[in-house]
Protein backbone atom coordinates (compact mmCIF):
# COMPACT_ATOMS: atom_id res chain seq x y z
CA UNK A 1 -0.66 38.17 -5.62
CA UNK A 2 1.00 41.26 -7.25
CA UNK A 3 2.37 40.30 -10.71
CA UNK A 4 2.76 41.99 -14.01
CA UNK A 5 0.90 39.23 -15.71
CA UNK A 6 -2.75 39.33 -16.64
CA UNK A 7 -3.59 36.96 -13.77
CA UNK A 8 -3.26 39.54 -11.21
CA UNK A 9 -6.38 41.20 -12.48
CA UNK A 10 -8.00 38.11 -13.84
CA UNK A 11 -10.67 37.84 -11.27
CA UNK A 12 -11.64 41.52 -11.25
CA UNK A 13 -12.03 41.36 -14.93
CA UNK A 14 -14.03 38.25 -14.73
CA UNK A 15 -16.33 39.77 -12.23
CA UNK A 16 -16.99 42.71 -14.64
CA UNK A 17 -17.58 40.54 -17.60
CA UNK A 18 -19.34 37.63 -16.05
CA UNK A 19 -21.31 39.33 -13.43
CA UNK A 20 -24.21 40.65 -15.51
CA UNK A 21 -26.40 37.69 -14.95
CA UNK A 22 -25.37 37.16 -11.42
CA UNK A 23 -25.96 40.83 -10.72
CA UNK A 24 -29.62 40.31 -11.80
CA UNK A 25 -29.84 37.43 -9.38
CA UNK A 26 -28.50 39.48 -6.65
CA UNK A 27 -30.93 42.29 -7.23
CA UNK A 28 -33.87 39.92 -7.45
CA UNK A 29 -32.96 38.20 -4.23
CA UNK A 30 -32.14 41.40 -2.43
CA UNK A 31 -35.42 42.83 -3.41
CA UNK A 32 -37.28 39.71 -2.07
CA UNK A 33 -35.16 39.92 1.12
CA UNK A 34 -35.89 43.55 1.61
CA UNK A 35 -39.52 43.22 1.04
CA UNK A 36 -39.72 40.48 3.62
CA UNK A 37 -37.55 42.42 6.15
CA UNK A 38 -39.91 45.56 5.62
CA UNK A 39 -42.98 43.60 5.87
CA UNK A 40 -42.13 41.60 9.00
CA UNK A 41 -39.97 44.16 10.73
CA UNK A 42 -38.16 41.36 12.60
CA UNK A 43 -34.58 40.82 13.33
CA UNK A 44 -34.92 37.30 11.92
CA UNK A 45 -35.95 38.81 8.55
CA UNK A 46 -32.86 41.09 8.57
CA UNK A 47 -30.65 38.23 9.40
CA UNK A 48 -32.19 36.24 6.61
CA UNK A 49 -31.44 39.20 4.21
CA UNK A 50 -27.76 39.17 5.34
CA UNK A 51 -27.47 35.42 4.91
CA UNK A 52 -29.13 35.47 1.40
CA UNK A 53 -26.65 38.27 0.39
CA UNK A 54 -23.65 36.32 1.55
CA UNK A 55 -24.78 33.34 -0.13
CA UNK A 56 -25.37 34.96 -3.42
CA UNK A 57 -22.02 36.72 -3.23
CA UNK A 58 -20.31 33.35 -2.65
CA UNK A 59 -22.26 31.53 -5.46
CA UNK A 60 -21.40 34.40 -7.89
CA UNK A 61 -17.70 33.92 -7.37
CA UNK A 62 -18.04 30.55 -9.21
CA UNK A 63 -19.11 32.25 -12.54
CA UNK A 64 -17.17 31.27 -15.55
CA UNK A 65 -16.60 32.94 -19.08
CA UNK A 66 -16.92 31.38 -22.45
CA UNK A 67 -14.63 32.56 -25.24
CA UNK A 68 -13.84 31.35 -28.74
CA UNK A 69 -17.42 31.91 -30.05
CA UNK A 70 -18.38 33.09 -33.55
CA UNK A 71 -17.83 36.83 -34.05
CA UNK A 72 -15.60 37.25 -30.98
CA UNK A 73 -18.66 36.96 -28.69
CA UNK A 74 -18.20 36.32 -25.08
CA UNK A 75 -20.81 34.61 -23.07
CA UNK A 76 -20.93 33.71 -19.20
CA UNK A 77 -22.54 31.06 -17.06
CA UNK A 78 -23.73 32.41 -13.71
CA UNK A 79 -22.61 31.09 -10.49
CA UNK A 80 -25.88 29.49 -9.53
CA UNK A 81 -25.51 27.15 -12.49
CA UNK A 82 -21.85 26.29 -12.01
CA UNK A 83 -22.43 25.54 -8.38
CA UNK A 84 -24.94 22.96 -9.48
CA UNK A 85 -22.91 21.14 -12.17
CA UNK A 86 -22.23 17.38 -11.71
CA UNK A 87 -18.57 16.39 -12.08
CA UNK A 88 -17.29 13.09 -13.63
CA UNK A 89 -14.00 11.44 -14.06
CA UNK A 90 -13.57 9.40 -17.34
CA UNK A 91 -11.36 6.40 -17.48
CA UNK A 92 -10.63 4.04 -20.30
CA UNK A 93 -11.35 0.39 -19.61
CA UNK A 94 -10.33 -2.64 -21.83
CA UNK A 95 -13.05 -5.18 -22.30
CA UNK A 96 -12.18 -8.57 -23.90
CA UNK A 97 -14.63 -10.26 -26.18
CA UNK A 98 -13.66 -13.96 -26.33
CA UNK A 99 -16.44 -15.18 -28.67
CA UNK A 100 -17.05 -14.15 -32.28
CA UNK A 101 -20.38 -14.24 -34.10
CA UNK A 102 -20.02 -17.97 -34.67
CA UNK A 103 -19.29 -18.67 -31.08
CA UNK A 104 -15.45 -19.36 -31.75
CA UNK A 105 -12.82 -18.19 -29.23
CA UNK A 106 -10.78 -15.17 -30.16
CA UNK A 107 -8.70 -12.67 -28.20
CA UNK A 108 -10.18 -9.32 -29.58
CA UNK A 109 -10.44 -6.55 -27.01
CA UNK A 110 -12.05 -3.22 -27.15
CA UNK A 111 -11.73 -0.07 -25.05
CA UNK A 112 -14.60 1.65 -23.49
CA UNK A 113 -14.92 4.83 -21.50
CA UNK A 114 -16.53 4.68 -18.16
CA UNK A 115 -17.22 7.72 -15.84
CA UNK A 116 -17.38 7.92 -12.08
CA UNK A 117 -19.05 10.76 -10.25
CA UNK A 118 -17.14 13.07 -7.94
CA UNK A 119 -18.86 12.90 -4.67
CA UNK A 120 -20.63 16.15 -3.57
CA UNK A 121 -20.35 17.94 -6.86
CA UNK A 122 -23.71 19.35 -7.68
CA UNK A 123 -25.58 17.08 -5.35
CA UNK A 124 -27.70 17.91 -2.36
CA UNK A 125 -25.71 18.91 0.82
CA UNK A 126 -28.01 16.57 2.75
CA UNK A 127 -25.83 13.60 1.84
CA UNK A 128 -23.09 15.23 4.16
CA UNK A 129 -20.67 16.15 1.20
CA UNK A 130 -19.58 19.60 0.59
CA UNK A 131 -19.36 20.92 -2.93
CA UNK A 132 -15.60 20.64 -3.96
CA UNK A 133 -15.82 22.71 -7.11
CA UNK A 134 -13.93 26.02 -7.19
CA UNK A 135 -12.69 28.47 -9.83
CA UNK A 136 -10.30 30.39 -7.67
CA UNK A 137 -8.81 28.43 -4.80
CA UNK A 138 -7.28 24.99 -4.10
CA UNK A 139 -7.29 24.24 -0.44
CA UNK A 140 -4.58 21.92 1.05
CA UNK A 141 -5.27 20.65 4.65
CA UNK A 142 -2.06 20.36 6.62
CA UNK A 143 -2.66 16.65 7.40
CA UNK A 144 -3.04 15.29 3.81
CA UNK A 145 -0.85 14.81 0.74
CA UNK A 146 -2.05 16.05 -2.61
CA UNK A 147 -1.37 14.61 -5.95
CA UNK A 148 -2.52 15.90 -9.44
CA UNK A 149 -2.49 15.28 -13.12
CA UNK A 150 -3.52 17.39 -16.07
CA UNK A 151 -6.89 16.73 -17.86
CA UNK A 152 -9.15 17.86 -20.63
CA UNK A 153 -12.45 19.07 -19.12
CA UNK A 154 -15.53 19.08 -21.43
CA UNK A 155 -18.93 20.51 -20.55
CA UNK A 156 -22.20 18.84 -21.49
CA UNK A 157 -25.31 20.96 -21.74
CA UNK A 158 -28.54 18.90 -21.97
CA UNK A 159 -26.52 16.00 -23.43
CA UNK A 160 -24.71 18.18 -25.95
CA UNK A 161 -21.10 18.56 -25.87
CA UNK A 162 -20.57 22.31 -25.64
CA UNK A 163 -17.23 23.65 -24.39
CA UNK A 164 -13.72 22.57 -23.25
CA UNK A 165 -10.97 23.85 -20.96
CA UNK A 166 -7.78 22.60 -19.22
CA UNK A 167 -8.62 20.43 -16.11
CA UNK A 168 -6.60 19.48 -12.85
CA UNK A 169 -7.50 16.17 -11.52
CA UNK A 170 -6.56 16.31 -7.82
CA UNK A 171 -6.61 13.59 -5.18
CA UNK A 172 -5.52 12.55 -1.81
CA UNK A 173 -3.98 9.14 -1.93
CA UNK A 174 -5.20 6.93 0.89
CA UNK A 175 -4.97 3.35 1.96
CA UNK A 176 -8.71 2.84 1.13
CA UNK A 177 -8.52 4.51 -2.29
CA UNK A 178 -8.13 7.93 -3.56
CA UNK A 179 -10.16 10.97 -2.31
CA UNK A 180 -11.03 13.63 -4.75
CA UNK A 181 -13.57 15.42 -2.74
CA UNK A 182 -11.53 15.90 0.46
CA UNK A 183 -13.40 19.15 1.45
CA UNK A 184 -14.13 22.63 0.06
CA UNK A 185 -12.23 24.01 -2.86
CA UNK A 186 -10.63 20.62 -3.66
CA UNK A 187 -11.63 20.18 -7.42
CA UNK A 188 -10.79 23.38 -9.42
CA UNK A 189 -12.20 24.19 -12.79
CA UNK A 190 -11.14 26.80 -15.37
CA UNK A 191 -12.53 30.33 -14.89
CA UNK A 192 -12.44 30.71 -18.69
CA UNK A 193 -13.62 28.09 -21.25
CA UNK A 194 -13.36 27.96 -25.07
CA UNK A 195 -15.44 26.49 -27.90
CA UNK A 196 -15.07 23.13 -29.34
CA UNK A 197 -13.91 24.50 -32.61
CA UNK A 198 -10.93 26.28 -30.93
CA UNK A 199 -10.12 23.11 -28.87
CA UNK A 200 -9.99 20.95 -31.87
CA UNK A 201 -7.50 23.30 -33.75
CA UNK A 202 -4.24 21.39 -34.70
CA UNK A 203 -1.99 23.51 -32.57
CA UNK A 204 -4.30 23.51 -29.46
CA UNK A 205 -2.37 22.32 -26.36
CA UNK A 206 -2.59 22.51 -22.61
CA UNK A 207 0.24 24.15 -20.73
CA UNK A 208 0.64 24.20 -16.98
CA UNK A 209 2.60 26.46 -14.61
CA UNK A 210 3.33 27.25 -11.07
CA UNK A 211 3.76 30.95 -10.19
CA UNK A 212 5.86 31.52 -7.14
CA UNK A 213 6.50 34.58 -4.99
CA UNK A 214 10.11 35.52 -4.85
CA UNK A 215 11.83 37.44 -2.11
CA UNK A 216 10.23 40.74 -2.92
CA UNK A 217 6.42 40.99 -3.05
CA UNK A 218 6.56 42.27 -6.84
CA UNK A 219 8.87 39.46 -7.97
CA UNK A 220 6.96 36.51 -9.46
CA UNK A 221 8.64 33.42 -11.09
CA UNK A 222 7.01 30.63 -13.00
CA UNK A 223 8.07 27.11 -13.47
CA UNK A 224 6.52 24.25 -15.44
CA UNK A 225 4.05 22.06 -13.60
CA UNK A 226 3.41 19.55 -16.48
CA UNK A 227 4.82 19.30 -19.87
CA UNK A 228 2.89 20.88 -22.74
CA UNK A 229 0.44 18.36 -24.05
CA UNK A 230 -1.78 18.22 -27.10
CA UNK A 231 -5.36 16.86 -26.52
CA UNK A 232 -5.84 14.82 -29.66
CA UNK A 233 -5.89 11.41 -27.86
CA UNK A 234 -8.15 12.91 -25.25
CA UNK A 235 -10.61 14.22 -27.85
CA UNK A 236 -10.58 10.70 -29.38
CA UNK A 237 -11.72 9.36 -26.11
CA UNK A 238 -14.41 12.07 -25.87
CA UNK A 239 -15.82 11.03 -29.37
CA UNK A 240 -15.75 7.32 -28.15
CA UNK A 241 -17.55 8.24 -25.01
CA UNK A 242 -20.12 10.21 -26.99
CA UNK A 243 -20.91 7.31 -29.08
CA UNK A 244 -21.55 5.12 -26.14
CA UNK A 245 -23.71 7.32 -23.98
CA UNK A 246 -26.75 5.53 -22.94
CA UNK A 247 -30.14 7.43 -23.75
CA UNK A 248 -30.89 7.23 -20.04
CA UNK A 249 -27.60 8.74 -18.94
CA UNK A 250 -27.83 11.51 -16.43
CA UNK A 251 -25.61 13.69 -18.78
CA UNK A 252 -28.59 14.04 -20.97
CA UNK A 253 -30.18 16.63 -18.68
CA UNK A 254 -28.64 19.62 -17.03
CA UNK A 255 -24.96 20.63 -16.93
CA UNK A 256 -22.08 18.20 -16.40
CA UNK A 257 -18.29 18.63 -16.47
CA UNK A 258 -16.43 15.34 -17.44
CA UNK A 259 -12.68 15.25 -16.93
CA UNK A 260 -10.53 13.11 -19.38
CA UNK A 261 -6.95 12.68 -17.88
CA UNK A 262 -4.12 13.44 -20.14
CA UNK A 263 -1.79 11.04 -18.44
CA UNK A 264 -2.30 7.99 -16.18
CA UNK A 265 0.32 8.87 -13.55
CA UNK A 266 -0.42 11.18 -10.75
CA UNK A 267 2.51 13.53 -9.49
CA UNK A 268 2.89 14.96 -5.99
CA UNK A 269 2.15 18.64 -5.91
CA UNK A 270 5.07 20.79 -4.71
CA UNK A 271 4.86 21.23 -0.84
CA UNK A 272 6.92 23.95 0.70
CA UNK A 273 8.20 23.89 4.28
CA UNK A 274 5.37 24.44 6.66
CA UNK A 275 5.02 27.62 8.68
CA UNK A 276 2.99 28.80 11.57
CA UNK A 277 0.45 30.40 9.23
CA UNK A 278 -2.29 27.68 8.73
CA UNK A 279 -3.99 29.68 5.97
CA UNK A 280 -0.86 30.45 3.95
CA UNK A 281 -1.13 30.97 0.24
CA UNK A 282 1.90 29.11 -1.11
CA UNK A 283 1.67 29.40 -4.76
CA UNK A 284 -0.65 29.71 -7.90
CA UNK A 285 -1.43 27.05 -10.61
CA UNK A 286 -2.13 28.40 -13.96
CA UNK A 287 -3.21 26.13 -16.81
CA UNK A 288 -3.76 27.40 -20.24
CA UNK A 289 -5.57 25.71 -23.17
CA UNK A 290 -4.32 27.63 -26.28
CA UNK A 291 -3.39 27.49 -29.94
CA UNK A 292 -0.64 30.02 -29.21
CA UNK A 293 2.92 28.53 -29.76
CA UNK A 294 4.39 29.89 -26.55
CA UNK A 295 1.84 29.51 -23.66
CA UNK A 296 4.33 31.03 -21.19
CA UNK A 297 4.21 34.32 -22.97
CA UNK A 298 0.66 34.60 -22.36
CA UNK A 299 1.33 34.82 -18.60
CA UNK A 300 2.60 38.46 -19.26
CA UNK A 301 -0.24 39.37 -21.43
CA UNK A 302 -3.36 41.31 -20.20
CA UNK A 303 -6.79 39.69 -19.95
CA UNK A 304 -8.05 41.16 -23.29
CA UNK A 305 -5.39 39.19 -25.07
CA UNK A 306 -6.43 35.90 -23.55
CA UNK A 307 -9.96 36.59 -24.53
CA UNK A 308 -9.11 37.68 -28.16
CA UNK A 309 -6.87 34.54 -28.41
CA UNK A 310 -9.70 32.29 -27.34
CA UNK A 311 -7.48 30.88 -24.50
CA UNK A 312 -8.99 28.90 -21.85
CA UNK A 313 -7.51 29.57 -18.21
CA UNK A 314 -7.71 27.55 -15.05
CA UNK A 315 -6.22 29.69 -12.32
CA UNK A 316 -6.19 28.74 -8.53
CA UNK A 317 -4.27 29.89 -5.55
CA UNK A 318 -2.97 27.01 -3.50
CA UNK A 319 -3.48 27.69 0.19
CA UNK A 320 -2.66 25.61 3.25
CA UNK A 321 -5.53 25.07 5.59
CA UNK A 322 -6.17 23.64 9.17
CA UNK A 323 -6.00 19.91 9.52
CA UNK A 324 -9.15 18.22 8.74
CA UNK A 325 -9.06 16.23 11.78
CA UNK A 326 -9.03 19.30 13.93
CA UNK A 327 -12.33 20.46 12.47
CA UNK A 328 -15.00 20.68 15.22
CA UNK A 329 -17.67 20.17 12.46
CA UNK A 330 -16.18 17.58 10.27
CA UNK A 331 -19.01 15.95 8.14
CA UNK A 332 -19.51 12.26 8.45
CA UNK A 333 -18.42 11.35 4.87
CA UNK A 334 -14.93 12.70 5.65
CA UNK A 335 -14.16 11.00 8.90
CA UNK A 336 -12.69 7.85 7.26
CA UNK A 337 -10.09 10.24 5.54
CA UNK A 338 -9.13 12.53 8.40
CA UNK A 339 -9.93 10.43 11.41
CA UNK A 340 -9.77 6.84 10.28
């Protein structure tokens, strides 16, 4: 994806800034693997070493960066943590209360926020689901239709609301309901998050773009995916939700990401004409959470500007992949979607 914008070098920069903790993880695991290989002197041990190396490299790719902290500090969350985050979708429900304190009928109604887990996100692979979370790719199997809507993602750490970012709520519409986890790399999250103080600024908004390749490899054009949206209403929902959290809620331990949709309606993601290339990268989605007045201009800024402006960035390459029904090793939970 050659482009003059900062996003062409975003992942390389991210790896340099975020990789510190992951690099320690890699060194520790490699040291253990090498010791095992040296001790046993078996091909199995060397194979295990290779597998561990590949696994750690894969997990490290999920690392995310935190900006907007006091003093311009930049922190990171290593891939081993991000890969274990539970994911939730928040929806507002209207509840009627037909009786007042005296037992008399009335028509009062109140709204409450309910969350539903995204299957497979942060849970054991023994249940058959794959982890759908990704910071870099959005896979699109050739035999399904994809829809999406913008969201505000918030991160809970040990029950405490900690960071915010733009979110993309993706689904496969199906006759038995929506599928959010339709396979690997099906639920993207931002690679760069920001502090709550920045997210609550008056001018903070979420802007969404599609970056297309033009006729020449170096020619990149951007179009608007969703209209620019402020997050004030979503933040009110977050506040309502926090006030209603049960002390026994699973959100009170570990890391969790809760998505608060900014609109109710899903839109079809643009689908270009199919080609013979089953793994074709068709375009890139970039969503920015920023207080800067013209988010589109940030597309042409380098990575350091995004960090200094405390901008949160979700950036994924959308790629067509093989049909799910053609997979020789299709896990059991996905058969109702792809096979029926």
